[in-house]
Amino acid sequence: MFTQQEIDELSALHFINQIDAHLRVVSKIRIVADTGDRPPRVILLLELLYDRSRVDQLSFDLHNHSYADIIEVARNVGDNEYLMCEIDNLLSGHGE
């Protein structure tokens, strides 16, 4: 469970990940309040830009990730093999 301060800080984060000469990924965190006693959902939003034009977006649930891990994933998209595979699949047309 996150404190209100951590929720506010995560919600304010935006990182620009330069993947290669053409591809940039803007990562943002969205916190979605859940009902009852369940903790809020943490969603990683990735906006894909190719030569500065928006081409698509992806989202991932970061359930059970720690505060530090969430920041690490959002900050270093290019170092995350799973995220890069999903991005490659989407851009190559296999993400459907």
N, C-alpha and C. Protein backbone atom coordinates (compact mmCIF):
# COMPACT_ATOMS: atom_id res chain seq x y z
N MET A 1 0.85 -1.18 0.00
CA MET A 1 0.00 0.00 0.00
C MET A 1 0.89 1.24 0.00
N PHE A 2 0.53 2.23 -0.76
CA PHE A 2 1.31 3.45 -0.87
C PHE A 2 0.70 4.56 -0.02
N THR A 3 1.56 5.45 0.44
CA THR A 3 1.08 6.63 1.14
C THR A 3 0.51 7.61 0.11
N GLN A 4 -0.25 8.58 0.57
CA GLN A 4 -0.79 9.58 -0.35
C GLN A 4 0.33 10.36 -1.02
N GLN A 5 1.41 10.63 -0.29
CA GLN A 5 2.55 11.33 -0.88
C GLN A 5 3.17 10.51 -2.01
N GLU A 6 3.34 9.20 -1.80
CA GLU A 6 3.90 8.34 -2.85
C GLU A 6 2.98 8.28 -4.06
N ILE A 7 1.67 8.22 -3.83
CA ILE A 7 0.70 8.22 -4.93
C ILE A 7 0.83 9.51 -5.73
N ASP A 8 0.91 10.63 -5.03
CA ASP A 8 1.05 11.93 -5.71
C ASP A 8 2.34 12.00 -6.50
N GLU A 9 3.43 11.51 -5.92
CA GLU A 9 4.73 11.54 -6.61
C GLU A 9 4.73 10.64 -7.84
N LEU A 10 4.20 9.44 -7.70
CA LEU A 10 4.14 8.52 -8.84
C LEU A 10 3.29 9.10 -9.96
N SER A 11 2.17 9.71 -9.60
CA SER A 11 1.25 10.27 -10.60
C SER A 11 1.87 11.43 -11.36
N ALA A 12 2.85 12.09 -10.77
CA ALA A 12 3.48 13.26 -11.40
C ALA A 12 4.66 12.89 -12.30
N LEU A 13 5.09 11.63 -12.27
CA LEU A 13 6.27 11.22 -13.02
C LEU A 13 6.00 11.12 -14.52
N HIS A 14 6.95 11.59 -15.30
CA HIS A 14 6.97 11.43 -16.75
C HIS A 14 8.44 11.25 -17.13
N PHE A 15 8.72 10.20 -17.86
CA PHE A 15 10.09 9.96 -18.33
C PHE A 15 10.08 9.83 -19.84
N ILE A 16 11.10 10.38 -20.49
CA ILE A 16 11.27 10.20 -21.93
C ILE A 16 12.45 9.25 -22.12
N ASN A 17 12.16 8.10 -22.69
CA ASN A 17 13.18 7.07 -22.93
C ASN A 17 13.52 7.09 -24.42
N GLN A 18 14.75 7.49 -24.75
CA GLN A 18 15.21 7.47 -26.14
C GLN A 18 15.70 6.06 -26.43
N ILE A 19 14.95 5.31 -27.22
CA ILE A 19 15.27 3.91 -27.48
C ILE A 19 16.29 3.79 -28.61
N ASP A 20 16.08 4.53 -29.68
CA ASP A 20 17.05 4.58 -30.78
C ASP A 20 16.92 5.95 -31.45
N ALA A 21 17.52 6.11 -32.62
CA ALA A 21 17.52 7.42 -33.27
C ALA A 21 16.11 7.90 -33.62
N HIS A 22 15.17 6.98 -33.78
CA HIS A 22 13.82 7.34 -34.20
C HIS A 22 12.77 7.15 -33.12
N LEU A 23 12.94 6.17 -32.26
CA LEU A 23 11.90 5.78 -31.31
C LEU A 23 12.13 6.36 -29.92
N ARG A 24 11.10 7.04 -29.43
CA ARG A 24 11.07 7.52 -28.05
C ARG A 24 9.85 6.91 -27.37
N VAL A 25 9.99 6.64 -26.10
CA VAL A 25 8.88 6.14 -25.31
C VAL A 25 8.70 7.07 -24.12
N VAL A 26 7.52 7.68 -24.03
CA VAL A 26 7.19 8.51 -22.89
C VAL A 26 6.45 7.63 -21.90
N SER A 27 6.98 7.52 -20.70
CA SER A 27 6.34 6.67 -19.69
C SER A 27 5.73 7.54 -18.60
N LYS A 28 4.52 7.14 -18.21
CA LYS A 28 3.77 7.83 -17.17
C LYS A 28 3.16 6.78 -16.26
N ILE A 29 2.89 7.17 -15.04
CA ILE A 29 2.26 6.29 -14.07
C ILE A 29 0.88 6.84 -13.77
N ARG A 30 -0.11 5.96 -13.78
CA ARG A 30 -1.47 6.32 -13.38
C ARG A 30 -1.86 5.44 -12.21
N ILE A 31 -2.42 6.05 -11.20
CA ILE A 31 -2.91 5.32 -10.04
C ILE A 31 -4.43 5.30 -10.14
N VAL A 32 -5.00 4.11 -10.12
CA VAL A 32 -6.45 3.94 -10.23
C VAL A 32 -6.97 3.40 -8.91
N ALA A 33 -7.77 4.22 -8.24
CA ALA A 33 -8.33 3.80 -6.95
C ALA A 33 -9.26 2.62 -7.16
N ASP A 34 -9.18 1.67 -6.25
CA ASP A 34 -10.04 0.50 -6.31
C ASP A 34 -11.07 0.60 -5.20
N THR A 35 -12.09 -0.21 -5.28
CA THR A 35 -13.15 -0.17 -4.27
C THR A 35 -12.78 -1.03 -3.08
N GLY A 36 -13.37 -0.72 -1.97
CA GLY A 36 -13.16 -1.53 -0.78
C GLY A 36 -11.77 -1.37 -0.20
N ASP A 37 -11.26 -2.46 0.34
CA ASP A 37 -9.97 -2.45 1.02
C ASP A 37 -8.80 -2.79 0.10
N ARG A 38 -9.08 -2.98 -1.17
CA ARG A 38 -8.00 -3.34 -2.08
C ARG A 38 -7.12 -2.13 -2.37
N PRO A 39 -5.82 -2.37 -2.55
CA PRO A 39 -4.92 -1.25 -2.85
C PRO A 39 -5.19 -0.70 -4.25
N PRO A 40 -4.80 0.54 -4.50
CA PRO A 40 -5.00 1.11 -5.84
C PRO A 40 -4.18 0.36 -6.87
N ARG A 41 -4.67 0.37 -8.12
CA ARG A 41 -3.93 -0.25 -9.22
C ARG A 41 -2.91 0.76 -9.74
N VAL A 42 -1.75 0.26 -10.08
CA VAL A 42 -0.69 1.10 -10.63
C VAL A 42 -0.52 0.71 -12.10
N ILE A 43 -0.77 1.66 -12.98
CA ILE A 43 -0.72 1.41 -14.42
C ILE A 43 0.45 2.19 -15.02
N LEU A 44 1.29 1.49 -15.76
CA LEU A 44 2.37 2.12 -16.52
C LEU A 44 1.85 2.38 -17.93
N LEU A 45 1.82 3.63 -18.33
CA LEU A 45 1.40 4.01 -19.67
C LEU A 45 2.62 4.35 -20.50
N LEU A 46 2.72 3.75 -21.67
CA LEU A 46 3.84 4.02 -22.57
C LEU A 46 3.29 4.61 -23.86
N GLU A 47 3.71 5.82 -24.18
CA GLU A 47 3.33 6.47 -25.42
C GLU A 47 4.52 6.34 -26.37
N LEU A 48 4.28 5.73 -27.53
CA LEU A 48 5.35 5.47 -28.50
C LEU A 48 5.38 6.58 -29.54
N LEU A 49 6.55 7.18 -29.70
CA LEU A 49 6.75 8.24 -30.68
C LEU A 49 7.83 7.82 -31.65
N TYR A 50 7.51 7.89 -32.94
CA TYR A 50 8.48 7.57 -33.97
C TYR A 50 8.72 8.84 -34.77
N ASP A 51 9.96 9.30 -34.79
CA ASP A 51 10.31 10.58 -35.42
C ASP A 51 9.37 11.69 -34.95
N ARG A 52 9.13 11.72 -33.66
CA ARG A 52 8.34 12.74 -32.96
C ARG A 52 6.84 12.66 -33.21
N SER A 53 6.38 11.66 -33.95
CA SER A 53 4.94 11.48 -34.17
C SER A 53 4.44 10.32 -33.33
N ARG A 54 3.31 10.52 -32.68
CA ARG A 54 2.74 9.47 -31.84
C ARG A 54 2.23 8.35 -32.73
N VAL A 55 2.68 7.13 -32.45
CA VAL A 55 2.26 6.00 -33.26
C VAL A 55 1.34 5.05 -32.51
N ASP A 56 1.47 4.96 -31.20
CA ASP A 56 0.61 4.05 -30.44
C ASP A 56 0.90 4.21 -28.95
N GLN A 57 0.18 3.44 -28.16
CA GLN A 57 0.47 3.42 -26.73
C GLN A 57 0.18 2.03 -26.18
N LEU A 58 0.84 1.73 -25.09
CA LEU A 58 0.67 0.47 -24.39
C LEU A 58 0.45 0.77 -22.91
N SER A 59 -0.18 -0.16 -22.21
CA SER A 59 -0.30 -0.01 -20.77
C SER A 59 -0.04 -1.35 -20.10
N PHE A 60 0.51 -1.27 -18.89
CA PHE A 60 0.87 -2.46 -18.13
C PHE A 60 0.49 -2.24 -16.68
N ASP A 61 -0.05 -3.27 -16.07
CA ASP A 61 -0.39 -3.23 -14.65
C ASP A 61 0.86 -3.58 -13.85
N LEU A 62 1.25 -2.71 -12.95
CA LEU A 62 2.43 -2.95 -12.12
C LEU A 62 2.02 -3.40 -10.72
N HIS A 63 1.03 -4.25 -10.67
CA HIS A 63 0.52 -4.80 -9.41
C HIS A 63 1.65 -5.48 -8.64
N ASN A 64 1.71 -5.23 -7.36
CA ASN A 64 2.69 -5.83 -6.45
C ASN A 64 4.12 -5.36 -6.66
N HIS A 65 4.34 -4.31 -7.42
CA HIS A 65 5.67 -3.73 -7.55
C HIS A 65 5.86 -2.72 -6.42
N SER A 66 7.07 -2.60 -5.95
CA SER A 66 7.38 -1.62 -4.92
C SER A 66 7.46 -0.22 -5.54
N TYR A 67 7.43 0.78 -4.70
CA TYR A 67 7.55 2.16 -5.13
C TYR A 67 8.82 2.35 -5.96
N ALA A 68 9.94 1.87 -5.44
CA ALA A 68 11.23 2.01 -6.14
C ALA A 68 11.24 1.25 -7.47
N ASP A 69 10.65 0.06 -7.50
CA ASP A 69 10.60 -0.73 -8.74
C ASP A 69 9.77 -0.04 -9.81
N ILE A 70 8.67 0.57 -9.41
CA ILE A 70 7.80 1.28 -10.36
C ILE A 70 8.59 2.41 -11.03
N ILE A 71 9.31 3.17 -10.24
CA ILE A 71 10.11 4.26 -10.79
C ILE A 71 11.20 3.72 -11.71
N GLU A 72 11.85 2.65 -11.30
CA GLU A 72 12.91 2.04 -12.10
C GLU A 72 12.39 1.58 -13.46
N VAL A 73 11.25 0.92 -13.48
CA VAL A 73 10.67 0.43 -14.73
C VAL A 73 10.31 1.60 -15.64
N ALA A 74 9.66 2.62 -15.09
CA ALA A 74 9.25 3.78 -15.89
C ALA A 74 10.45 4.56 -16.42
N ARG A 75 11.49 4.65 -15.64
CA ARG A 75 12.67 5.43 -16.01
C ARG A 75 13.52 4.71 -17.06
N ASN A 76 13.52 3.39 -17.04
CA ASN A 76 14.45 2.62 -17.88
C ASN A 76 13.72 1.61 -18.77
N VAL A 77 12.78 2.08 -19.55
CA VAL A 77 12.00 1.19 -20.42
C VAL A 77 12.92 0.40 -21.35
N GLY A 78 13.92 1.05 -21.90
CA GLY A 78 14.82 0.39 -22.85
C GLY A 78 15.62 -0.76 -22.27
N ASP A 79 15.75 -0.80 -20.95
CA ASP A 79 16.49 -1.88 -20.29
C ASP A 79 15.61 -3.05 -19.88
N ASN A 80 14.30 -2.92 -20.10
CA ASN A 80 13.36 -3.96 -19.68
C ASN A 80 13.03 -4.85 -20.88
N GLU A 81 13.53 -6.08 -20.86
CA GLU A 81 13.36 -6.99 -22.00
C GLU A 81 11.90 -7.25 -22.32
N TYR A 82 11.08 -7.44 -21.30
CA TYR A 82 9.65 -7.72 -21.53
C TYR A 82 8.98 -6.53 -22.23
N LEU A 83 9.18 -5.32 -21.71
CA LEU A 83 8.55 -4.15 -22.32
C LEU A 83 9.05 -3.94 -23.74
N MET A 84 10.35 -4.11 -23.96
CA MET A 84 10.88 -3.92 -25.31
C MET A 84 10.34 -4.96 -26.28
N CYS A 85 10.14 -6.18 -25.83
CA CYS A 85 9.55 -7.22 -26.68
C CYS A 85 8.11 -6.83 -27.05
N GLU A 86 7.35 -6.33 -26.08
CA GLU A 86 5.97 -5.91 -26.35
C GLU A 86 5.94 -4.73 -27.33
N ILE A 87 6.85 -3.79 -27.16
CA ILE A 87 6.94 -2.65 -28.07
C ILE A 87 7.32 -3.12 -29.46
N ASP A 88 8.32 -3.98 -29.57
CA ASP A 88 8.73 -4.52 -30.87
C ASP A 88 7.58 -5.25 -31.56
N ASN A 89 6.85 -6.07 -30.80
CA ASN A 89 5.72 -6.80 -31.37
C ASN A 89 4.64 -5.85 -31.88
N LEU A 90 4.35 -4.82 -31.12
CA LEU A 90 3.35 -3.86 -31.54
C LEU A 90 3.78 -3.13 -32.81
N LEU A 91 5.01 -2.66 -32.82
CA LEU A 91 5.49 -1.90 -33.97
C LEU A 91 5.66 -2.76 -35.22
N SER A 92 5.90 -4.05 -35.04
CA SER A 92 6.06 -4.92 -36.21
C SER A 92 4.73 -5.52 -36.66
N GLY A 93 3.64 -5.17 -35.96
CA GLY A 93 2.32 -5.64 -36.37
C GLY A 93 1.90 -6.95 -35.77
N HIS A 94 2.68 -7.49 -34.83
CA HIS A 94 2.32 -8.76 -34.21
C HIS A 94 1.60 -8.58 -32.88
N GLY A 95 1.28 -7.37 -32.52
CA GLY A 95 0.66 -7.10 -31.24
C GLY A 95 -0.85 -7.22 -31.24
N GLU A 96 -1.42 -7.67 -32.33
CA GLU A 96 -2.88 -7.73 -32.44
C GLU A 96 -3.43 -9.03 -31.92
